[in-house]
Amino acid sequence: KGDCSSGDGMSTGGHFNPSASPHGQHGAGPHHSGDLPSLKADANGVATINFMSSMLTVGSGATDIVGKGLIVHRDPDDFKTQPTGNSGLRLACAVIAAR
């Protein structure tokens, strides 16, 4: 859900998971649609990520991510602990929009 009003990112709810899959690693077996690849920032706090997913769409269908929340967690994902991979506090929250 695209709601960052709580200030700590908790108002977005859990991972985007229209297929009711377990938490896991993007590209490696069953995982939530919202299990994205890991993101690491450099010393200046700049992070860039490029990936493709057949489990996400923009603008239509059950896997549409427009209007959904996007969270950056503090810690690396261990890809096994349910439901969020022991990834720590939510550091940043955004709402996905289409251009």
PDB file of N, CA and C in Angstrom:
ATOM      1  N   LYS A   1       0.858  -1.178   0.000  1.00  0.00           N
ATOM      2  CA  LYS A   1       0.000   0.000   0.000  1.00  0.00           C
ATOM      3  C   LYS A   1       0.891   1.222   0.000  1.00  0.00           C
ATOM      4  N   GLY A   2       0.551   2.232  -0.757  1.00  0.00           N
ATOM      5  CA  GLY A   2       1.376   3.420  -0.906  1.00  0.00           C
ATOM      6  C   GLY A   2       1.100   4.462   0.154  1.00  0.00           C
ATOM      7  N   ASP A   3       1.557   4.207   1.362  1.00  0.00           N
ATOM      8  CA  ASP A   3       1.306   5.112   2.484  1.00  0.00           C
ATOM      9  C   ASP A   3       2.577   5.247   3.312  1.00  0.00           C
ATOM     10  N   CYS A   4       3.214   6.397   3.231  1.00  0.00           N
ATOM     11  CA  CYS A   4       4.439   6.653   3.994  1.00  0.00           C
ATOM     12  C   CYS A   4       4.179   7.617   5.148  1.00  0.00           C
ATOM     13  N   SER A   5       2.931   7.762   5.561  1.00  0.00           N
ATOM     14  CA  SER A   5       2.552   8.781   6.541  1.00  0.00           C
ATOM     15  C   SER A   5       3.072   8.528   7.948  1.00  0.00           C
ATOM     16  N   SER A   6       3.425   7.311   8.283  1.00  0.00           N
ATOM     17  CA  SER A   6       3.809   7.013   9.667  1.00  0.00           C
ATOM     18  C   SER A   6       5.194   7.526  10.044  1.00  0.00           C
ATOM     19  N   GLY A   7       6.021   7.875   9.068  1.00  0.00           N
ATOM     20  CA  GLY A   7       7.359   8.369   9.376  1.00  0.00           C
ATOM     21  C   GLY A   7       8.386   7.264   9.562  1.00  0.00           C
ATOM     22  N   ASP A   8       7.950   6.065   9.923  1.00  0.00           N
ATOM     23  CA  ASP A   8       8.890   4.948  10.088  1.00  0.00           C
ATOM     24  C   ASP A   8       8.689   3.877   9.017  1.00  0.00           C
ATOM     25  N   GLY A   9       7.853   4.146   8.026  1.00  0.00           N
ATOM     26  CA  GLY A   9       7.609   3.212   6.935  1.00  0.00           C
ATOM     27  C   GLY A   9       6.643   2.093   7.249  1.00  0.00           C
ATOM     28  N   MET A  10       6.198   1.981   8.485  1.00  0.00           N
ATOM     29  CA  MET A  10       5.321   0.871   8.862  1.00  0.00           C
ATOM     30  C   MET A  10       3.919   0.993   8.261  1.00  0.00           C
ATOM     31  N   SER A  11       3.519   2.202   7.874  1.00  0.00           N
ATOM     32  CA  SER A  11       2.178   2.382   7.311  1.00  0.00           C
ATOM     33  C   SER A  11       2.040   1.772   5.917  1.00  0.00           C
ATOM     34  N   THR A  12       3.143   1.348   5.302  1.00  0.00           N
ATOM     35  CA  THR A  12       3.063   0.697   3.991  1.00  0.00           C
ATOM     36  C   THR A  12       2.592  -0.745   4.092  1.00  0.00           C
ATOM     37  N   GLY A  13       2.665  -1.340   5.270  1.00  0.00           N
ATOM     38  CA  GLY A  13       2.287  -2.739   5.430  1.00  0.00           C
ATOM     39  C   GLY A  13       3.438  -3.660   5.074  1.00  0.00           C
ATOM     40  N   GLY A  14       3.113  -4.918   4.747  1.00  0.00           N
ATOM     41  CA  GLY A  14       4.130  -5.924   4.451  1.00  0.00           C
ATOM     42  C   GLY A  14       4.557  -5.921   3.000  1.00  0.00           C
ATOM     43  N   HIS A  15       5.403  -6.889   2.657  1.00  0.00           N
ATOM     44  CA  HIS A  15       5.886  -7.045   1.284  1.00  0.00           C
ATOM     45  C   HIS A  15       4.736  -7.218   0.306  1.00  0.00           C
ATOM     46  N   PHE A  16       4.908  -6.686  -0.892  1.00  0.00           N
ATOM     47  CA  PHE A  16       3.964  -6.896  -1.982  1.00  0.00           C
ATOM     48  C   PHE A  16       4.018  -8.380  -2.341  1.00  0.00           C
ATOM     49  N   ASN A  17       2.892  -9.074  -2.196  1.00  0.00           N
ATOM     50  CA  ASN A  17       2.905 -10.527  -2.307  1.00  0.00           C
ATOM     51  C   ASN A  17       1.573 -11.066  -2.845  1.00  0.00           C
ATOM     52  N   PRO A  18       1.194 -10.696  -4.087  1.00  0.00           N
ATOM     53  CA  PRO A  18      -0.093 -11.152  -4.604  1.00  0.00           C
ATOM     54  C   PRO A  18      -0.188 -12.666  -4.806  1.00  0.00           C
ATOM     55  N   SER A  19       0.938 -13.370  -4.869  1.00  0.00           N
ATOM     56  CA  SER A  19       0.912 -14.824  -5.080  1.00  0.00           C
ATOM     57  C   SER A  19       0.992 -15.617  -3.781  1.00  0.00           C
ATOM     58  N   ALA A  20       1.039 -14.923  -2.634  1.00  0.00           N
ATOM     59  CA  ALA A  20       1.131 -15.566  -1.315  1.00  0.00           C
ATOM     60  C   ALA A  20       2.330 -16.514  -1.212  1.00  0.00           C
ATOM     61  N   SER A  21       3.457 -16.110  -1.794  1.00  0.00           N
ATOM     62  CA  SER A  21       4.690 -16.903  -1.746  1.00  0.00           C
ATOM     63  C   SER A  21       5.466 -16.598  -0.472  1.00  0.00           C
ATOM     64  N   PRO A  22       6.357 -17.507  -0.048  1.00  0.00           N
ATOM     65  CA  PRO A  22       7.195 -17.222   1.114  1.00  0.00           C
ATOM     66  C   PRO A  22       8.271 -16.194   0.760  1.00  0.00           C
ATOM     67  N   HIS A  23       8.830 -15.550   1.781  1.00  0.00           N
ATOM     68  CA  HIS A  23       9.952 -14.636   1.573  1.00  0.00           C
ATOM     69  C   HIS A  23      11.133 -15.425   1.027  1.00  0.00           C
ATOM     70  N   GLY A  24      11.900 -14.828   0.145  1.00  0.00           N
ATOM     71  CA  GLY A  24      13.070 -15.493  -0.420  1.00  0.00           C
ATOM     72  C   GLY A  24      13.920 -14.509  -1.189  1.00  0.00           C
ATOM     73  N   GLN A  25      14.758 -15.020  -2.061  1.00  0.00           N
ATOM     74  CA  GLN A  25      15.696 -14.196  -2.820  1.00  0.00           C
ATOM     75  C   GLN A  25      15.203 -13.985  -4.240  1.00  0.00           C
ATOM     76  N   HIS A  26      15.210 -12.725  -4.682  1.00  0.00           N
ATOM     77  CA  HIS A  26      14.829 -12.385  -6.056  1.00  0.00           C
ATOM     78  C   HIS A  26      15.665 -13.216  -7.033  1.00  0.00           C
ATOM     79  N   GLY A  27      14.988 -13.903  -7.946  1.00  0.00           N
ATOM     80  CA  GLY A  27      15.685 -14.669  -8.970  1.00  0.00           C
ATOM     81  C   GLY A  27      16.164 -16.043  -8.540  1.00  0.00           C
ATOM     82  N   ALA A  28      15.823 -16.468  -7.317  1.00  0.00           N
ATOM     83  CA  ALA A  28      16.321 -17.762  -6.817  1.00  0.00           C
ATOM     84  C   ALA A  28      15.212 -18.511  -6.094  1.00  0.00           C
ATOM     85  N   GLY A  29      14.316 -19.107  -6.833  1.00  0.00           N
ATOM     86  CA  GLY A  29      13.256 -19.896  -6.214  1.00  0.00           C
ATOM     87  C   GLY A  29      12.080 -19.054  -5.777  1.00  0.00           C
ATOM     88  N   PRO A  30      11.142 -19.659  -5.028  1.00  0.00           N
ATOM     89  CA  PRO A  30       9.939 -18.936  -4.604  1.00  0.00           C
ATOM     90  C   PRO A  30      10.282 -17.709  -3.757  1.00  0.00           C
ATOM     91  N   HIS A  31       9.576 -16.619  -4.003  1.00  0.00           N
ATOM     92  CA  HIS A  31       9.768 -15.393  -3.219  1.00  0.00           C
ATOM     93  C   HIS A  31       8.587 -14.457  -3.450  1.00  0.00           C
ATOM     94  N   HIS A  32       8.419 -13.507  -2.525  1.00  0.00           N
ATOM     95  CA  HIS A  32       7.394 -12.470  -2.692  1.00  0.00           C
ATOM     96  C   HIS A  32       7.712 -11.671  -3.954  1.00  0.00           C
ATOM     97  N   SER A  33       6.702 -11.155  -4.609  1.00  0.00           N
ATOM     98  CA  SER A  33       6.944 -10.227  -5.722  1.00  0.00           C
ATOM     99  C   SER A  33       7.732  -9.018  -5.237  1.00  0.00           C
ATOM    100  N   GLY A  34       7.523  -8.640  -3.988  1.00  0.00           N
ATOM    101  CA  GLY A  34       8.217  -7.489  -3.409  1.00  0.00           C
ATOM    102  C   GLY A  34       9.615  -7.772  -2.899  1.00  0.00           C
ATOM    103  N   ASP A  35      10.105  -9.001  -3.034  1.00  0.00           N
ATOM    104  CA  ASP A  35      11.495  -9.311  -2.670  1.00  0.00           C
ATOM    105  C   ASP A  35      12.393  -8.851  -3.803  1.00  0.00           C
ATOM    106  N   LEU A  36      12.943  -7.666  -3.667  1.00  0.00           N
ATOM    107  CA  LEU A  36      13.790  -7.093  -4.705  1.00  0.00           C
ATOM    108  C   LEU A  36      15.255  -7.386  -4.411  1.00  0.00           C
ATOM    109  N   PRO A  37      16.131  -7.233  -5.412  1.00  0.00           N
ATOM    110  CA  PRO A  37      17.562  -7.447  -5.163  1.00  0.00           C
ATOM    111  C   PRO A  37      18.083  -6.472  -4.107  1.00  0.00           C
ATOM    112  N   SER A  38      19.177  -6.848  -3.469  1.00  0.00           N
ATOM    113  CA  SER A  38      19.774  -5.991  -2.438  1.00  0.00           C
ATOM    114  C   SER A  38      20.305  -4.704  -3.046  1.00  0.00           C
ATOM    115  N   LEU A  39      20.250  -3.653  -2.255  1.00  0.00           N
ATOM    116  CA  LEU A  39      20.686  -2.319  -2.643  1.00  0.00           C
ATOM    117  C   LEU A  39      21.741  -1.880  -1.649  1.00  0.00           C
ATOM    118  N   LYS A  40      22.890  -1.396  -2.131  1.00  0.00           N
ATOM    119  CA  LYS A  40      23.938  -0.929  -1.224  1.00  0.00           C
ATOM    120  C   LYS A  40      24.372   0.463  -1.658  1.00  0.00           C
ATOM    121  N   ALA A  41      24.387   1.377  -0.692  1.00  0.00           N
ATOM    122  CA  ALA A  41      24.791   2.756  -0.966  1.00  0.00           C
ATOM    123  C   ALA A  41      26.300   2.903  -0.815  1.00  0.00           C
ATOM    124  N   ASP A  42      26.875   3.844  -1.579  1.00  0.00           N
ATOM    125  CA  ASP A  42      28.303   4.122  -1.457  1.00  0.00           C
ATOM    126  C   ASP A  42      28.555   5.073  -0.284  1.00  0.00           C
ATOM    127  N   ALA A  43      29.784   5.520  -0.106  1.00  0.00           N
ATOM    128  CA  ALA A  43      30.160   6.383   1.018  1.00  0.00           C
ATOM    129  C   ALA A  43      29.404   7.711   1.010  1.00  0.00           C
ATOM    130  N   ASN A  44      28.908   8.122  -0.154  1.00  0.00           N
ATOM    131  CA  ASN A  44      28.142   9.366  -0.261  1.00  0.00           C
ATOM    132  C   ASN A  44      26.639   9.143  -0.109  1.00  0.00           C
ATOM    133  N   GLY A  45      26.237   7.897   0.142  1.00  0.00           N
ATOM    134  CA  GLY A  45      24.824   7.587   0.298  1.00  0.00           C
ATOM    135  C   GLY A  45      24.086   7.394  -1.009  1.00  0.00           C
ATOM    136  N   VAL A  46      24.825   7.258  -2.107  1.00  0.00           N
ATOM    137  CA  VAL A  46      24.217   7.079  -3.424  1.00  0.00           C
ATOM    138  C   VAL A  46      24.101   5.587  -3.731  1.00  0.00           C
ATOM    139  N   ALA A  47      22.920   5.173  -4.150  1.00  0.00           N
ATOM    140  CA  ALA A  47      22.683   3.772  -4.500  1.00  0.00           C
ATOM    141  C   ALA A  47      21.953   3.713  -5.839  1.00  0.00           C
ATOM    142  N   THR A  48      22.363   2.785  -6.678  1.00  0.00           N
ATOM    143  CA  THR A  48      21.726   2.576  -7.977  1.00  0.00           C
ATOM    144  C   THR A  48      21.435   1.093  -8.124  1.00  0.00           C
ATOM    145  N   ILE A  49      20.271   0.775  -8.684  1.00  0.00           N
ATOM    146  CA  ILE A  49      19.921  -0.627  -8.897  1.00  0.00           C
ATOM    147  C   ILE A  49      19.207  -0.773 -10.233  1.00  0.00           C
ATOM    148  N   ASN A  50      19.559  -1.811 -10.963  1.00  0.00           N
ATOM    149  CA  ASN A  50      18.884  -2.176 -12.205  1.00  0.00           C
ATOM    150  C   ASN A  50      18.545  -3.653 -12.118  1.00  0.00           C
ATOM    151  N   PHE A  51      17.301  -4.008 -12.398  1.00  0.00           N
ATOM    152  CA  PHE A  51      16.906  -5.412 -12.393  1.00  0.00           C
ATOM    153  C   PHE A  51      15.642  -5.578 -13.220  1.00  0.00           C
ATOM    154  N   MET A  52      15.370  -6.810 -13.584  1.00  0.00           N
ATOM    155  CA  MET A  52      14.138  -7.143 -14.294  1.00  0.00           C
ATOM    156  C   MET A  52      13.393  -8.190 -13.483  1.00  0.00           C
ATOM    157  N   SER A  53      12.060  -8.130 -13.537  1.00  0.00           N
ATOM    158  CA  SER A  53      11.246  -9.110 -12.838  1.00  0.00           C
ATOM    159  C   SER A  53       9.982  -9.389 -13.635  1.00  0.00           C
ATOM    160  N   SER A  54       9.682 -10.653 -13.832  1.00  0.00           N
ATOM    161  CA  SER A  54       8.428 -11.027 -14.486  1.00  0.00           C
ATOM    162  C   SER A  54       7.280 -11.046 -13.485  1.00  0.00           C
ATOM    163  N   MET A  55       7.584 -10.760 -12.207  1.00  0.00           N
ATOM    164  CA  MET A  55       6.569 -10.798 -11.151  1.00  0.00           C
ATOM    165  C   MET A  55       5.980  -9.427 -10.842  1.00  0.00           C
ATOM    166  N   LEU A  56       6.422  -8.392 -11.580  1.00  0.00           N
ATOM    167  CA  LEU A  56       5.943  -7.028 -11.361  1.00  0.00           C
ATOM    168  C   LEU A  56       5.484  -6.434 -12.680  1.00  0.00           C
ATOM    169  N   THR A  57       4.427  -5.625 -12.630  1.00  0.00           N
ATOM    170  CA  THR A  57       3.971  -4.903 -13.811  1.00  0.00           C
ATOM    171  C   THR A  57       3.747  -3.443 -13.439  1.00  0.00           C
ATOM    172  N   VAL A  58       3.700  -2.603 -14.462  1.00  0.00           N
ATOM    173  CA  VAL A  58       3.431  -1.181 -14.261  1.00  0.00           C
ATOM    174  C   VAL A  58       2.139  -0.843 -14.989  1.00  0.00           C
ATOM    175  N   GLY A  59       1.113  -0.531 -14.234  1.00  0.00           N
ATOM    176  CA  GLY A  59      -0.118  -0.027 -14.810  1.00  0.00           C
ATOM    177  C   GLY A  59      -1.298  -0.958 -14.939  1.00  0.00           C
ATOM    178  N   SER A  60      -1.106  -2.274 -14.742  1.00  0.00           N
ATOM    179  CA  SER A  60      -2.278  -3.147 -14.864  1.00  0.00           C
ATOM    180  C   SER A  60      -2.059  -4.495 -14.195  1.00  0.00           C
ATOM    181  N   GLY A  61      -3.155  -5.128 -13.823  1.00  0.00           N
ATOM    182  CA  GLY A  61      -3.126  -6.485 -13.297  1.00  0.00           C
ATOM    183  C   GLY A  61      -2.831  -6.583 -11.814  1.00  0.00           C
ATOM    184  N   ALA A  62      -2.883  -7.812 -11.327  1.00  0.00           N
ATOM    185  CA  ALA A  62      -2.674  -8.082  -9.901  1.00  0.00           C
ATOM    186  C   ALA A  62      -1.255  -7.782  -9.447  1.00  0.00           C
ATOM    187  N   THR A  63      -0.311  -7.740 -10.382  1.00  0.00           N
ATOM    188  CA  THR A  63       1.090  -7.486 -10.024  1.00  0.00           C
ATOM    189  C   THR A  63       1.510  -6.037 -10.284  1.00  0.00           C
ATOM    190  N   ASP A  64       0.540  -5.150 -10.500  1.00  0.00           N
ATOM    191  CA  ASP A  64       0.803  -3.724 -10.737  1.00  0.00           C
ATOM    192  C   ASP A  64       1.397  -3.076  -9.491  1.00  0.00           C
ATOM    193  N   ILE A  65       2.536  -2.394  -9.648  1.00  0.00           N
ATOM    194  CA  ILE A  65       3.202  -1.758  -8.505  1.00  0.00           C
ATOM    195  C   ILE A  65       2.936  -0.259  -8.397  1.00  0.00           C
ATOM    196  N   VAL A  66       2.225   0.318  -9.351  1.00  0.00           N
ATOM    197  CA  VAL A  66       1.912   1.749  -9.277  1.00  0.00           C
ATOM    198  C   VAL A  66       1.053   2.004  -8.044  1.00  0.00           C
ATOM    199  N   GLY A  67       1.473   2.981  -7.250  1.00  0.00           N
ATOM    200  CA  GLY A  67       0.755   3.320  -6.031  1.00  0.00           C
ATOM    201  C   GLY A  67       1.169   2.505  -4.820  1.00  0.00           C
ATOM    202  N   LYS A  68       2.074   1.566  -5.010  1.00  0.00           N
ATOM    203  CA  LYS A  68       2.552   0.741  -3.888  1.00  0.00           C
ATOM    204  C   LYS A  68       3.732   1.429  -3.208  1.00  0.00           C
ATOM    205  N   GLY A  69       3.964   1.068  -1.951  1.00  0.00           N
ATOM    206  CA  GLY A  69       5.094   1.609  -1.211  1.00  0.00           C
ATOM    207  C   GLY A  69       6.383   0.877  -1.548  1.00  0.00           C
ATOM    208  N   LEU A  70       7.492   1.591  -1.464  1.00  0.00           N
ATOM    209  CA  LEU A  70       8.827   1.023  -1.656  1.00  0.00           C
ATOM    210  C   LEU A  70       9.640   1.357  -0.415  1.00  0.00           C
ATOM    211  N   ILE A  71      10.191   0.339   0.216  1.00  0.00           N
ATOM    212  CA  ILE A  71      10.918   0.508   1.472  1.00  0.00           C
ATOM    213  C   ILE A  71      12.385   0.141   1.291  1.00  0.00           C
ATOM    214  N   VAL A  72      13.272   0.919   1.891  1.00  0.00           N
ATOM    215  CA  VAL A  72      14.695   0.570   1.994  1.00  0.00           C
ATOM    216  C   VAL A  72      14.949   0.227   3.451  1.00  0.00           C
ATOM    217  N   HIS A  73      15.425  -0.998   3.685  1.00  0.00           N
ATOM    218  CA  HIS A  73      15.743  -1.460   5.042  1.00  0.00           C
ATOM    219  C   HIS A  73      17.202  -1.169   5.380  1.00  0.00           C
ATOM    220  N   ARG A  74      17.508  -1.147   6.664  1.00  0.00           N
ATOM    221  CA  ARG A  74      18.848  -0.835   7.158  1.00  0.00           C
ATOM    222  C   ARG A  74      19.861  -1.940   6.886  1.00  0.00           C
ATOM    223  N   ASP A  75      19.467  -3.186   7.052  1.00  0.00           N
ATOM    224  CA  ASP A  75      20.416  -4.299   7.028  1.00  0.00           C
ATOM    225  C   ASP A  75      20.237  -5.177   5.792  1.00  0.00           C
ATOM    226  N   PRO A  76      21.275  -5.960   5.460  1.00  0.00           N
ATOM    227  CA  PRO A  76      21.146  -6.903   4.341  1.00  0.00           C
ATOM    228  C   PRO A  76      20.082  -7.958   4.638  1.00  0.00           C
ATOM    229  N   ASP A  77      19.418  -8.407   3.613  1.00  0.00           N
ATOM    230  CA  ASP A  77      18.402  -9.453   3.705  1.00  0.00           C
ATOM    231  C   ASP A  77      19.101 -10.805   3.790  1.00  0.00           C
ATOM    232  N   ASP A  78      18.682 -11.652   4.734  1.00  0.00           N
ATOM    233  CA  ASP A  78      19.275 -12.995   4.819  1.00  0.00           C
ATOM    234  C   ASP A  78      18.568 -13.990   3.898  1.00  0.00           C
ATOM    235  N   PHE A  79      17.517 -13.550   3.212  1.00  0.00           N
ATOM    236  CA  PHE A  79      16.765 -14.324   2.217  1.00  0.00           C
ATOM    237  C   PHE A  79      16.056 -15.555   2.769  1.00  0.00           C
ATOM    238  N   LYS A  80      15.936 -15.674   4.088  1.00  0.00           N
ATOM    239  CA  LYS A  80      15.228 -16.832   4.635  1.00  0.00           C
ATOM    240  C   LYS A  80      14.290 -16.495   5.781  1.00  0.00           C
ATOM    241  N   THR A  81      14.677 -15.588   6.687  1.00  0.00           N
ATOM    242  CA  THR A  81      13.827 -15.263   7.829  1.00  0.00           C
ATOM    243  C   THR A  81      12.515 -14.655   7.339  1.00  0.00           C
ATOM    244  N   GLN A  82      11.395 -15.178   7.836  1.00  0.00           N
ATOM    245  CA  GLN A  82      10.065 -14.712   7.429  1.00  0.00           C
ATOM    246  C   GLN A  82       9.606 -13.585   8.357  1.00  0.00           C
ATOM    247  N   PRO A  83       8.968 -12.538   7.870  1.00  0.00           N
ATOM    248  CA  PRO A  83       8.620 -12.322   6.472  1.00  0.00           C
ATOM    249  C   PRO A  83       9.547 -11.355   5.747  1.00  0.00           C
ATOM    250  N   THR A  84      10.540 -10.759   6.434  1.00  0.00           N
ATOM    251  CA  THR A  84      11.337  -9.701   5.790  1.00  0.00           C
ATOM    252  C   THR A  84      12.838  -9.956   5.757  1.00  0.00           C
ATOM    253  N   GLY A  85      13.280 -11.153   6.010  1.00  0.00           N
ATOM    254  CA  GLY A  85      14.699 -11.453   5.869  1.00  0.00           C
ATOM    255  C   GLY A  85      15.596 -10.862   6.925  1.00  0.00           C
ATOM    256  N   ASN A  86      15.041 -10.566   8.124  1.00  0.00           N
ATOM    257  CA  ASN A  86      15.847 -10.005   9.208  1.00  0.00           C
ATOM    258  C   ASN A  86      16.612  -8.767   8.734  1.00  0.00           C
ATOM    259  N   SER A  87      15.942  -7.928   7.951  1.00  0.00           N
ATOM    260  CA  SER A  87      16.604  -6.797   7.303  1.00  0.00           C
ATOM    261  C   SER A  87      16.586  -5.499   8.099  1.00  0.00           C
ATOM    262  N   GLY A  88      16.125  -5.534   9.313  1.00  0.00           N
ATOM    263  CA  GLY A  88      16.238  -4.373  10.186  1.00  0.00           C
ATOM    264  C   GLY A  88      15.199  -3.294   9.949  1.00  0.00           C
ATOM    265  N   LEU A  89      15.478  -2.151  10.549  1.00  0.00           N
ATOM    266  CA  LEU A  89      14.566  -1.008  10.491  1.00  0.00           C
ATOM    267  C   LEU A  89      14.343  -0.523   9.069  1.00  0.00           C
ATOM    268  N   ARG A  90      13.216   0.113   8.868  1.00  0.00           N
ATOM    269  CA  ARG A  90      12.904   0.746   7.588  1.00  0.00           C
ATOM    270  C   ARG A  90      13.511   2.147   7.608  1.00  0.00           C
ATOM    271  N   LEU A  91      14.429   2.406   6.680  1.00  0.00           N
ATOM    272  CA  LEU A  91      15.129   3.693   6.642  1.00  0.00           C
ATOM    273  C   LEU A  91      14.466   4.720   5.738  1.00  0.00           C
ATOM    274  N   ALA A  92      13.862   4.258   4.656  1.00  0.00           N
ATOM    275  CA  ALA A  92      13.278   5.183   3.683  1.00  0.00           C
ATOM    276  C   ALA A  92      11.996   4.585   3.125  1.00  0.00           C
ATOM    277  N   CYS A  93      11.074   5.470   2.753  1.00  0.00           N
ATOM    278  CA  CYS A  93       9.790   5.047   2.195  1.00  0.00           C
ATOM    279  C   CYS A  93       9.451   5.954   1.015  1.00  0.00           C
ATOM    280  N   ALA A  94       8.938   5.357  -0.051  1.00  0.00           N
ATOM    281  CA  ALA A  94       8.490   6.117  -1.221  1.00  0.00           C
ATOM    282  C   ALA A  94       7.244   5.441  -1.779  1.00  0.00           C
ATOM    283  N   VAL A  95       6.507   6.163  -2.598  1.00  0.00           N
ATOM    284  CA  VAL A  95       5.353   5.599  -3.289  1.00  0.00           C
ATOM    285  C   VAL A  95       5.676   5.585  -4.783  1.00  0.00           C
ATOM    286  N   ILE A  96       5.487   4.441  -5.428  1.00  0.00           N
ATOM    287  CA  ILE A  96       5.821   4.269  -6.842  1.00  0.00           C
ATOM    288  C   ILE A  96       4.759   4.944  -7.703  1.00  0.00           C
ATOM    289  N   ALA A  97       5.222   5.733  -8.674  1.00  0.00           N
ATOM    290  CA  ALA A  97       4.329   6.419  -9.606  1.00  0.00           C
ATOM    291  C   ALA A  97       4.758   6.098 -11.035  1.00  0.00           C
ATOM    292  N   ALA A  98       3.826   6.107 -11.963  1.00  0.00           N
ATOM    293  CA  ALA A  98       4.134   5.908 -13.382  1.00  0.00           C
ATOM    294  C   ALA A  98       4.244   7.267 -14.054  1.00  0.00           C
ATOM    295  N   ARG A  99       5.100   7.361 -15.033  1.00  0.00           N
ATOM    296  CA  ARG A  99       5.226   8.605 -15.798  1.00  0.00           C
ATOM    297  C   ARG A  99       4.379   8.545 -17.025  1.00  0.00           C
TER     298      ARG A  99
END
